[in-house]
Amino acid sequence: MRSRFSAFALGTADSVRYLVETHHPDYRPKDFEQDLKGSMEGTRWTSLQVRNAGESGDTGVVEFVAGFFYGGQVGELRECSHFVREKGRWLYTTGS
C-alpha cells in the first residue's frame, strides 16, 4: 500500500507503470493507464495513514486514509483496499 501511495504521490511515468503492474489485470478498468495519468494531473498527495492491515493466506486488506490537495481544496480518501498475492507479489484488486 505504501509503495502504491508513493507512486501516486510521485506521479511520474515510472509511477504510472508501477501502478499498472501492481493492479491485478482481472480488475483493471478499460483505459486504466490513461485514466491514471489524468487523475494524477493537478493532484498532490500529502499524507498516508494506514489504519488497519491484515492478510489471510494469499488475500490482504489495508484500510487507510490518504490526504491530498486538488483544485485549491484539501481532501482525503478513505478506502479499504483489497489485494491478492500471486507469484509472491501483492496485486490490488478493489477498494471500498
PDB file of N, CA and C in Angstrom:
ATOM      1  N   MET A   1       0.822  -1.187   0.000  1.00  0.00           N
ATOM      2  CA  MET A   1       0.000   0.000   0.000  1.00  0.00           C
ATOM      3  C   MET A   1       0.864   1.247   0.000  1.00  0.00           C
ATOM      4  N   ARG A   2       1.880   1.260   0.831  1.00  0.00           N
ATOM      5  CA  ARG A   2       2.743   2.449   0.898  1.00  0.00           C
ATOM      6  C   ARG A   2       3.448   2.699  -0.438  1.00  0.00           C
ATOM      7  N   SER A   3       3.853   1.633  -1.099  1.00  0.00           N
ATOM      8  CA  SER A   3       4.536   1.829  -2.381  1.00  0.00           C
ATOM      9  C   SER A   3       3.576   2.372  -3.436  1.00  0.00           C
ATOM     10  N   ARG A   4       2.324   1.939  -3.397  1.00  0.00           N
ATOM     11  CA  ARG A   4       1.338   2.470  -4.351  1.00  0.00           C
ATOM     12  C   ARG A   4       1.036   3.933  -4.053  1.00  0.00           C
ATOM     13  N   PHE A   5       0.922   4.296  -2.771  1.00  0.00           N
ATOM     14  CA  PHE A   5       0.717   5.691  -2.407  1.00  0.00           C
ATOM     15  C   PHE A   5       1.887   6.534  -2.917  1.00  0.00           C
ATOM     16  N   SER A   6       3.103   6.056  -2.696  1.00  0.00           N
ATOM     17  CA  SER A   6       4.289   6.784  -3.152  1.00  0.00           C
ATOM     18  C   SER A   6       4.269   6.984  -4.657  1.00  0.00           C
ATOM     19  N   ALA A   7       3.826   5.975  -5.379  1.00  0.00           N
ATOM     20  CA  ALA A   7       3.738   6.099  -6.840  1.00  0.00           C
ATOM     21  C   ALA A   7       2.724   7.178  -7.221  1.00  0.00           C
ATOM     22  N   PHE A   8       1.567   7.198  -6.565  1.00  0.00           N
ATOM     23  CA  PHE A   8       0.586   8.256  -6.829  1.00  0.00           C
ATOM     24  C   PHE A   8       1.184   9.625  -6.503  1.00  0.00           C
ATOM     25  N   ALA A   9       1.902   9.715  -5.386  1.00  0.00           N
ATOM     26  CA  ALA A   9       2.473  10.990  -4.949  1.00  0.00           C
ATOM     27  C   ALA A   9       3.539  11.484  -5.929  1.00  0.00           C
ATOM     28  N   LEU A  10       4.350  10.576  -6.457  1.00  0.00           N
ATOM     29  CA  LEU A  10       5.396  10.978  -7.406  1.00  0.00           C
ATOM     30  C   LEU A  10       4.801  11.401  -8.748  1.00  0.00           C
ATOM     31  N   GLY A  11       3.841  10.639  -9.243  1.00  0.00           N
ATOM     32  CA  GLY A  11       3.152  10.990 -10.484  1.00  0.00           C
ATOM     33  C   GLY A  11       3.991  10.939 -11.748  1.00  0.00           C
ATOM     34  N   THR A  12       5.061  10.172 -11.752  1.00  0.00           N
ATOM     35  CA  THR A  12       5.935  10.084 -12.923  1.00  0.00           C
ATOM     36  C   THR A  12       5.461   8.966 -13.862  1.00  0.00           C
ATOM     37  N   ALA A  13       6.068   8.917 -15.033  1.00  0.00           N
ATOM     38  CA  ALA A  13       5.754   7.846 -15.981  1.00  0.00           C
ATOM     39  C   ALA A  13       6.089   6.480 -15.371  1.00  0.00           C
ATOM     40  N   ASP A  14       7.200   6.392 -14.655  1.00  0.00           N
ATOM     41  CA  ASP A  14       7.553   5.142 -13.988  1.00  0.00           C
ATOM     42  C   ASP A  14       6.525   4.787 -12.922  1.00  0.00           C
ATOM     43  N   SER A  15       5.991   5.802 -12.244  1.00  0.00           N
ATOM     44  CA  SER A  15       4.963   5.571 -11.223  1.00  0.00           C
ATOM     45  C   SER A  15       3.701   4.991 -11.838  1.00  0.00           C
ATOM     46  N   VAL A  16       3.302   5.539 -12.975  1.00  0.00           N
ATOM     47  CA  VAL A  16       2.114   5.034 -13.664  1.00  0.00           C
ATOM     48  C   VAL A  16       2.327   3.581 -14.055  1.00  0.00           C
ATOM     49  N   ARG A  17       3.485   3.273 -14.590  1.00  0.00           N
ATOM     50  CA  ARG A  17       3.807   1.898 -14.983  1.00  0.00           C
ATOM     51  C   ARG A  17       3.740   0.976 -13.755  1.00  0.00           C
ATOM     52  N   TYR A  18       4.295   1.422 -12.623  1.00  0.00           N
ATOM     53  CA  TYR A  18       4.258   0.622 -11.398  1.00  0.00           C
ATOM     54  C   TYR A  18       2.818   0.378 -10.947  1.00  0.00           C
ATOM     55  N   LEU A  19       1.980   1.407 -10.994  1.00  0.00           N
ATOM     56  CA  LEU A  19       0.582   1.247 -10.579  1.00  0.00           C
ATOM     57  C   LEU A  19      -0.160   0.271 -11.481  1.00  0.00           C
ATOM     58  N   VAL A  20       0.122   0.315 -12.760  1.00  0.00           N
ATOM     59  CA  VAL A  20      -0.494  -0.640 -13.688  1.00  0.00           C
ATOM     60  C   VAL A  20      -0.014  -2.052 -13.360  1.00  0.00           C
ATOM     61  N   GLU A  21       1.287  -2.208 -13.139  1.00  0.00           N
ATOM     62  CA  GLU A  21       1.855  -3.533 -12.858  1.00  0.00           C
ATOM     63  C   GLU A  21       1.369  -4.126 -11.540  1.00  0.00           C
ATOM     64  N   THR A  22       1.007  -3.279 -10.570  1.00  0.00           N
ATOM     65  CA  THR A  22       0.577  -3.778  -9.266  1.00  0.00           C
ATOM     66  C   THR A  22      -0.949  -3.772  -9.115  1.00  0.00           C
ATOM     67  N   HIS A  23      -1.657  -3.542 -10.201  1.00  0.00           N
ATOM     68  CA  HIS A  23      -3.122  -3.615 -10.231  1.00  0.00           C
ATOM     69  C   HIS A  23      -3.480  -4.913 -10.961  1.00  0.00           C
ATOM     70  N   HIS A  24      -4.167  -5.797 -10.280  1.00  0.00           N
ATOM     71  CA  HIS A  24      -4.474  -7.109 -10.859  1.00  0.00           C
ATOM     72  C   HIS A  24      -5.156  -6.931 -12.221  1.00  0.00           C
ATOM     73  N   PRO A  25      -4.672  -7.623 -13.258  1.00  0.00           N
ATOM     74  CA  PRO A  25      -5.230  -7.433 -14.607  1.00  0.00           C
ATOM     75  C   PRO A  25      -6.720  -7.756 -14.707  1.00  0.00           C
ATOM     76  N   ASP A  26      -7.215  -8.677 -13.900  1.00  0.00           N
ATOM     77  CA  ASP A  26      -8.642  -9.009 -13.961  1.00  0.00           C
ATOM     78  C   ASP A  26      -9.528  -7.898 -13.411  1.00  0.00           C
ATOM     79  N   TYR A  27      -8.935  -6.943 -12.700  1.00  0.00           N
ATOM     80  CA  TYR A  27      -9.699  -5.855 -12.076  1.00  0.00           C
ATOM     81  C   TYR A  27      -9.347  -4.487 -12.656  1.00  0.00           C
ATOM     82  N   ARG A  28      -8.514  -4.459 -13.664  1.00  0.00           N
ATOM     83  CA  ARG A  28      -8.093  -3.200 -14.282  1.00  0.00           C
ATOM     84  C   ARG A  28      -9.194  -2.681 -15.206  1.00  0.00           C
ATOM     85  N   PRO A  29      -9.644  -1.457 -14.970  1.00  0.00           N
ATOM     86  CA  PRO A  29     -10.644  -0.886 -15.881  1.00  0.00           C
ATOM     87  C   PRO A  29     -10.055  -0.639 -17.273  1.00  0.00           C
ATOM     88  N   LYS A  30     -10.924  -0.559 -18.240  1.00  0.00           N
ATOM     89  CA  LYS A  30     -10.501  -0.202 -19.593  1.00  0.00           C
ATOM     90  C   LYS A  30      -9.896   1.199 -19.530  1.00  0.00           C
ATOM     91  N   ASP A  31      -8.859   1.443 -20.301  1.00  0.00           N
ATOM     92  CA  ASP A  31      -8.168   2.733 -20.337  1.00  0.00           C
ATOM     93  C   ASP A  31      -7.566   3.118 -18.986  1.00  0.00           C
ATOM     94  N   PHE A  32      -7.217   2.139 -18.184  1.00  0.00           N
ATOM     95  CA  PHE A  32      -6.713   2.385 -16.832  1.00  0.00           C
ATOM     96  C   PHE A  32      -5.496   3.297 -16.823  1.00  0.00           C
ATOM     97  N   GLU A  33      -4.524   3.003 -17.672  1.00  0.00           N
ATOM     98  CA  GLU A  33      -3.295   3.798 -17.678  1.00  0.00           C
ATOM     99  C   GLU A  33      -3.586   5.256 -18.023  1.00  0.00           C
ATOM    100  N   GLN A  34      -4.410   5.492 -19.019  1.00  0.00           N
ATOM    101  CA  GLN A  34      -4.769   6.859 -19.415  1.00  0.00           C
ATOM    102  C   GLN A  34      -5.539   7.558 -18.290  1.00  0.00           C
ATOM    103  N   ASP A  35      -6.456   6.848 -17.659  1.00  0.00           N
ATOM    104  CA  ASP A  35      -7.227   7.420 -16.545  1.00  0.00           C
ATOM    105  C   ASP A  35      -6.299   7.792 -15.384  1.00  0.00           C
ATOM    106  N   LEU A  36      -5.299   6.952 -15.125  1.00  0.00           N
ATOM    107  CA  LEU A  36      -4.334   7.246 -14.064  1.00  0.00           C
ATOM    108  C   LEU A  36      -3.610   8.555 -14.341  1.00  0.00           C
ATOM    109  N   LYS A  37      -3.126   8.686 -15.559  1.00  0.00           N
ATOM    110  CA  LYS A  37      -2.394   9.901 -15.918  1.00  0.00           C
ATOM    111  C   LYS A  37      -3.275  11.132 -15.710  1.00  0.00           C
ATOM    112  N   GLY A  38      -4.514  11.050 -16.122  1.00  0.00           N
ATOM    113  CA  GLY A  38      -5.433  12.173 -15.967  1.00  0.00           C
ATOM    114  C   GLY A  38      -5.718  12.503 -14.521  1.00  0.00           C
ATOM    115  N   SER A  39      -5.896  11.468 -13.701  1.00  0.00           N
ATOM    116  CA  SER A  39      -6.220  11.714 -12.296  1.00  0.00           C
ATOM    117  C   SER A  39      -5.028  12.247 -11.516  1.00  0.00           C
ATOM    118  N   MET A  40      -3.823  11.970 -11.992  1.00  0.00           N
ATOM    119  CA  MET A  40      -2.622  12.431 -11.298  1.00  0.00           C
ATOM    120  C   MET A  40      -2.344  13.909 -11.564  1.00  0.00           C
ATOM    121  N   GLU A  41      -2.812  14.420 -12.683  1.00  0.00           N
ATOM    122  CA  GLU A  41      -2.561  15.813 -13.022  1.00  0.00           C
ATOM    123  C   GLU A  41      -3.270  16.725 -12.033  1.00  0.00           C
ATOM    124  N   GLY A  42      -2.512  17.582 -11.408  1.00  0.00           N
ATOM    125  CA  GLY A  42      -3.087  18.559 -10.506  1.00  0.00           C
ATOM    126  C   GLY A  42      -3.381  18.052  -9.106  1.00  0.00           C
ATOM    127  N   THR A  43      -3.156  16.773  -8.842  1.00  0.00           N
ATOM    128  CA  THR A  43      -3.392  16.237  -7.509  1.00  0.00           C
ATOM    129  C   THR A  43      -2.053  16.093  -6.791  1.00  0.00           C
ATOM    130  N   ARG A  44      -1.982  16.619  -5.594  1.00  0.00           N
ATOM    131  CA  ARG A  44      -0.778  16.471  -4.776  1.00  0.00           C
ATOM    132  C   ARG A  44      -1.160  15.652  -3.546  1.00  0.00           C
ATOM    133  N   TRP A  45      -0.641  14.443  -3.472  1.00  0.00           N
ATOM    134  CA  TRP A  45      -0.903  13.560  -2.333  1.00  0.00           C
ATOM    135  C   TRP A  45       0.027  13.970  -1.208  1.00  0.00           C
ATOM    136  N   THR A  46      -0.535  14.188  -0.016  1.00  0.00           N
ATOM    137  CA  THR A  46       0.222  14.799   1.071  1.00  0.00           C
ATOM    138  C   THR A  46       0.479  13.893   2.263  1.00  0.00           C
ATOM    139  N   SER A  47      -0.349  12.879   2.478  1.00  0.00           N
ATOM    140  CA  SER A  47      -0.155  12.045   3.659  1.00  0.00           C
ATOM    141  C   SER A  47      -0.836  10.692   3.487  1.00  0.00           C
ATOM    142  N   LEU A  48      -0.337   9.724   4.235  1.00  0.00           N
ATOM    143  CA  LEU A  48      -0.933   8.398   4.255  1.00  0.00           C
ATOM    144  C   LEU A  48      -0.934   7.893   5.685  1.00  0.00           C
ATOM    145  N   GLN A  49      -2.110   7.488   6.146  1.00  0.00           N
ATOM    146  CA  GLN A  49      -2.237   6.855   7.454  1.00  0.00           C
ATOM    147  C   GLN A  49      -2.859   5.478   7.244  1.00  0.00           C
ATOM    148  N   VAL A  50      -2.086   4.449   7.515  1.00  0.00           N
ATOM    149  CA  VAL A  50      -2.620   3.097   7.441  1.00  0.00           C
ATOM    150  C   VAL A  50      -3.317   2.832   8.768  1.00  0.00           C
ATOM    151  N   ARG A  51      -4.617   2.580   8.700  1.00  0.00           N
ATOM    152  CA  ARG A  51      -5.417   2.391   9.909  1.00  0.00           C
ATOM    153  C   ARG A  51      -5.446   0.935  10.361  1.00  0.00           C
ATOM    154  N   ASN A  52      -5.427   0.035   9.386  1.00  0.00           N
ATOM    155  CA  ASN A  52      -5.506  -1.387   9.708  1.00  0.00           C
ATOM    156  C   ASN A  52      -4.997  -2.164   8.499  1.00  0.00           C
ATOM    157  N   ALA A  53      -4.364  -3.276   8.736  1.00  0.00           N
ATOM    158  CA  ALA A  53      -3.883  -4.128   7.651  1.00  0.00           C
ATOM    159  C   ALA A  53      -3.854  -5.565   8.137  1.00  0.00           C
ATOM    160  N   GLY A  54      -4.145  -6.462   7.234  1.00  0.00           N
ATOM    161  CA  GLY A  54      -4.093  -7.867   7.590  1.00  0.00           C
ATOM    162  C   GLY A  54      -4.093  -8.736   6.359  1.00  0.00           C
ATOM    163  N   GLU A  55      -3.683  -9.957   6.565  1.00  0.00           N
ATOM    164  CA  GLU A  55      -3.688 -10.914   5.464  1.00  0.00           C
ATOM    165  C   GLU A  55      -4.134 -12.268   5.974  1.00  0.00           C
ATOM    166  N   SER A  56      -4.682 -13.022   5.054  1.00  0.00           N
ATOM    167  CA  SER A  56      -5.092 -14.388   5.338  1.00  0.00           C
ATOM    168  C   SER A  56      -4.758 -15.197   4.102  1.00  0.00           C
ATOM    169  N   GLY A  57      -3.720 -15.993   4.203  1.00  0.00           N
ATOM    170  CA  GLY A  57      -3.285 -16.741   3.026  1.00  0.00           C
ATOM    171  C   GLY A  57      -2.788 -15.785   1.960  1.00  0.00           C
ATOM    172  N   ASP A  58      -3.407 -15.850   0.802  1.00  0.00           N
ATOM    173  CA  ASP A  58      -2.998 -15.011  -0.325  1.00  0.00           C
ATOM    174  C   ASP A  58      -3.939 -13.841  -0.576  1.00  0.00           C
ATOM    175  N   THR A  59      -4.688 -13.432   0.444  1.00  0.00           N
ATOM    176  CA  THR A  59      -5.516 -12.233   0.328  1.00  0.00           C
ATOM    177  C   THR A  59      -5.143 -11.276   1.447  1.00  0.00           C
ATOM    178  N   GLY A  60      -5.263  -9.998   1.162  1.00  0.00           N
ATOM    179  CA  GLY A  60      -4.930  -8.978   2.150  1.00  0.00           C
ATOM    180  C   GLY A  60      -5.854  -7.792   2.031  1.00  0.00           C
ATOM    181  N   VAL A  61      -5.962  -7.066   3.137  1.00  0.00           N
ATOM    182  CA  VAL A  61      -6.797  -5.866   3.191  1.00  0.00           C
ATOM    183  C   VAL A  61      -6.012  -4.780   3.912  1.00  0.00           C
ATOM    184  N   VAL A  62      -6.070  -3.549   3.370  1.00  0.00           N
ATOM    185  CA  VAL A  62      -5.440  -2.399   4.001  1.00  0.00           C
ATOM    186  C   VAL A  62      -6.473  -1.285   4.075  1.00  0.00           C
ATOM    187  N   GLU A  63      -6.748  -0.837   5.287  1.00  0.00           N
ATOM    188  CA  GLU A  63      -7.637   0.300   5.487  1.00  0.00           C
ATOM    189  C   GLU A  63      -6.754   1.523   5.710  1.00  0.00           C
ATOM    190  N   PHE A  64      -7.020   2.604   4.952  1.00  0.00           N
ATOM    191  CA  PHE A  64      -6.149   3.772   5.029  1.00  0.00           C
ATOM    192  C   PHE A  64      -6.930   5.067   4.825  1.00  0.00           C
ATOM    193  N   VAL A  65      -6.256   6.155   5.184  1.00  0.00           N
ATOM    194  CA  VAL A  65      -6.732   7.499   4.890  1.00  0.00           C
ATOM    195  C   VAL A  65      -5.573   8.215   4.208  1.00  0.00           C
ATOM    196  N   ALA A  66      -5.815   8.747   3.011  1.00  0.00           N
ATOM    197  CA  ALA A  66      -4.785   9.469   2.272  1.00  0.00           C
ATOM    198  C   ALA A  66      -5.229  10.914   2.081  1.00  0.00           C
ATOM    199  N   GLY A  67      -4.359  11.832   2.442  1.00  0.00           N
ATOM    200  CA  GLY A  67      -4.645  13.250   2.274  1.00  0.00           C
ATOM    201  C   GLY A  67      -4.159  13.738   0.921  1.00  0.00           C
ATOM    202  N   PHE A  68      -4.895  14.692   0.352  1.00  0.00           N
ATOM    203  CA  PHE A  68      -4.491  15.253  -0.933  1.00  0.00           C
ATOM    204  C   PHE A  68      -4.913  16.708  -1.036  1.00  0.00           C
ATOM    205  N   PHE A  69      -4.348  17.366  -2.019  1.00  0.00           N
ATOM    206  CA  PHE A  69      -4.668  18.747  -2.349  1.00  0.00           C
ATOM    207  C   PHE A  69      -4.991  18.777  -3.836  1.00  0.00           C
ATOM    208  N   TYR A  70      -6.169  19.284  -4.206  1.00  0.00           N
ATOM    209  CA  TYR A  70      -6.584  19.311  -5.615  1.00  0.00           C
ATOM    210  C   TYR A  70      -7.483  20.519  -5.842  1.00  0.00           C
ATOM    211  N   GLY A  71      -7.172  21.283  -6.870  1.00  0.00           N
ATOM    212  CA  GLY A  71      -8.015  22.413  -7.241  1.00  0.00           C
ATOM    213  C   GLY A  71      -8.231  23.417  -6.121  1.00  0.00           C
ATOM    214  N   GLY A  72      -7.192  23.649  -5.340  1.00  0.00           N
ATOM    215  CA  GLY A  72      -7.292  24.594  -4.243  1.00  0.00           C
ATOM    216  C   GLY A  72      -8.014  24.063  -3.015  1.00  0.00           C
ATOM    217  N   GLN A  73      -8.361  22.793  -3.030  1.00  0.00           N
ATOM    218  CA  GLN A  73      -9.095  22.189  -1.926  1.00  0.00           C
ATOM    219  C   GLN A  73      -8.271  21.071  -1.279  1.00  0.00           C
ATOM    220  N   VAL A  74      -8.392  20.980   0.035  1.00  0.00           N
ATOM    221  CA  VAL A  74      -7.788  19.882   0.784  1.00  0.00           C
ATOM    222  C   VAL A  74      -8.837  18.787   0.909  1.00  0.00           C
ATOM    223  N   GLY A  75      -8.433  17.545   0.718  1.00  0.00           N
ATOM    224  CA  GLY A  75      -9.377  16.434   0.837  1.00  0.00           C
ATOM    225  C   GLY A  75      -8.703  15.198   1.367  1.00  0.00           C
ATOM    226  N   GLU A  76      -9.501  14.172   1.543  1.00  0.00           N
ATOM    227  CA  GLU A  76      -8.945  12.893   1.960  1.00  0.00           C
ATOM    228  C   GLU A  76      -9.717  11.758   1.307  1.00  0.00           C
ATOM    229  N   LEU A  77      -9.008  10.696   1.065  1.00  0.00           N
ATOM    230  CA  LEU A  77      -9.581   9.475   0.519  1.00  0.00           C
ATOM    231  C   LEU A  77      -9.502   8.420   1.603  1.00  0.00           C
ATOM    232  N   ARG A  78     -10.648   7.872   1.944  1.00  0.00           N
ATOM    233  CA  ARG A  78     -10.709   6.762   2.904  1.00  0.00           C
ATOM    234  C   ARG A  78     -11.085   5.520   2.117  1.00  0.00           C
ATOM    235  N   GLU A  79     -10.289   4.478   2.278  1.00  0.00           N
ATOM    236  CA  GLU A  79     -10.547   3.273   1.498  1.00  0.00           C
ATOM    237  C   GLU A  79     -10.098   2.044   2.255  1.00  0.00           C
ATOM    238  N   CYS A  80     -10.750   0.963   1.936  1.00  0.00           N
ATOM    239  CA  CYS A  80     -10.348  -0.359   2.370  1.00  0.00           C
ATOM    240  C   CYS A  80      -9.938  -1.085   1.082  1.00  0.00           C
ATOM    241  N   SER A  81      -8.631  -1.219   0.868  1.00  0.00           N
ATOM    242  CA  SER A  81      -8.104  -1.812  -0.362  1.00  0.00           C
ATOM    243  C   SER A  81      -7.922  -3.305  -0.191  1.00  0.00           C
ATOM    244  N   HIS A  82      -8.269  -4.034  -1.243  1.00  0.00           N
ATOM    245  CA  HIS A  82      -8.161  -5.492  -1.236  1.00  0.00           C
ATOM    246  C   HIS A  82      -7.055  -5.911  -2.202  1.00  0.00           C
ATOM    247  N   PHE A  83      -6.270  -6.887  -1.764  1.00  0.00           N
ATOM    248  CA  PHE A  83      -5.132  -7.367  -2.543  1.00  0.00           C
ATOM    249  C   PHE A  83      -5.143  -8.890  -2.601  1.00  0.00           C
ATOM    250  N   VAL A  84      -4.523  -9.421  -3.640  1.00  0.00           N
ATOM    251  CA  VAL A  84      -4.247 -10.855  -3.724  1.00  0.00           C
ATOM    252  C   VAL A  84      -2.755 -11.017  -4.002  1.00  0.00           C
ATOM    253  N   ARG A  85      -2.189 -12.109  -3.498  1.00  0.00           N
ATOM    254  CA  ARG A  85      -0.779 -12.396  -3.744  1.00  0.00           C
ATOM    255  C   ARG A  85      -0.693 -13.445  -4.829  1.00  0.00           C
ATOM    256  N   GLU A  86       0.020 -13.098  -5.881  1.00  0.00           N
ATOM    257  CA  GLU A  86       0.255 -14.034  -6.986  1.00  0.00           C
ATOM    258  C   GLU A  86       1.742 -14.063  -7.284  1.00  0.00           C
ATOM    259  N   LYS A  87       2.303 -15.251  -7.302  1.00  0.00           N
ATOM    260  CA  LYS A  87       3.734 -15.436  -7.563  1.00  0.00           C
ATOM    261  C   LYS A  87       4.576 -14.561  -6.643  1.00  0.00           C
ATOM    262  N   GLY A  88       4.139 -14.456  -5.379  1.00  0.00           N
ATOM    263  CA  GLY A  88       4.888 -13.709  -4.382  1.00  0.00           C
ATOM    264  C   GLY A  88       4.705 -12.205  -4.414  1.00  0.00           C
ATOM    265  N   ARG A  89       3.856 -11.692  -5.285  1.00  0.00           N
ATOM    266  CA  ARG A  89       3.665 -10.244  -5.427  1.00  0.00           C
ATOM    267  C   ARG A  89       2.231  -9.862  -5.095  1.00  0.00           C
ATOM    268  N   TRP A  90       2.059  -8.819  -4.275  1.00  0.00           N
ATOM    269  CA  TRP A  90       0.725  -8.341  -3.922  1.00  0.00           C
ATOM    270  C   TRP A  90       0.181  -7.454  -5.034  1.00  0.00           C
ATOM    271  N   LEU A  91      -1.059  -7.759  -5.454  1.00  0.00           N
ATOM    272  CA  LEU A  91      -1.721  -7.010  -6.523  1.00  0.00           C
ATOM    273  C   LEU A  91      -3.043  -6.453  -6.003  1.00  0.00           C
ATOM    274  N   TYR A  92      -3.271  -5.175  -6.277  1.00  0.00           N
ATOM    275  CA  TYR A  92      -4.501  -4.507  -5.889  1.00  0.00           C
ATOM    276  C   TYR A  92      -5.670  -5.059  -6.722  1.00  0.00           C
ATOM    277  N   THR A  93      -6.800  -5.306  -6.068  1.00  0.00           N
ATOM    278  CA  THR A  93      -7.987  -5.763  -6.810  1.00  0.00           C
ATOM    279  C   THR A  93      -9.087  -4.717  -6.761  1.00  0.00           C
ATOM    280  N   THR A  94      -9.575  -4.396  -5.558  1.00  0.00           N
ATOM    281  CA  THR A  94     -10.694  -3.465  -5.432  1.00  0.00           C
ATOM    282  C   THR A  94     -10.538  -2.613  -4.180  1.00  0.00           C
ATOM    283  N   GLY A  95     -11.314  -1.568  -4.135  1.00  0.00           N
ATOM    284  CA  GLY A  95     -11.368  -0.726  -2.948  1.00  0.00           C
ATOM    285  C   GLY A  95     -12.806  -0.393  -2.615  1.00  0.00           C
ATOM    286  N   SER A  96     -13.060  -0.247  -1.344  1.00  0.00           N
ATOM    287  CA  SER A  96     -14.416   0.124  -0.928  1.00  0.00           C
ATOM    288  C   SER A  96     -14.356   1.145   0.184  1.00  0.00           C
TER     289      SER A  96
END
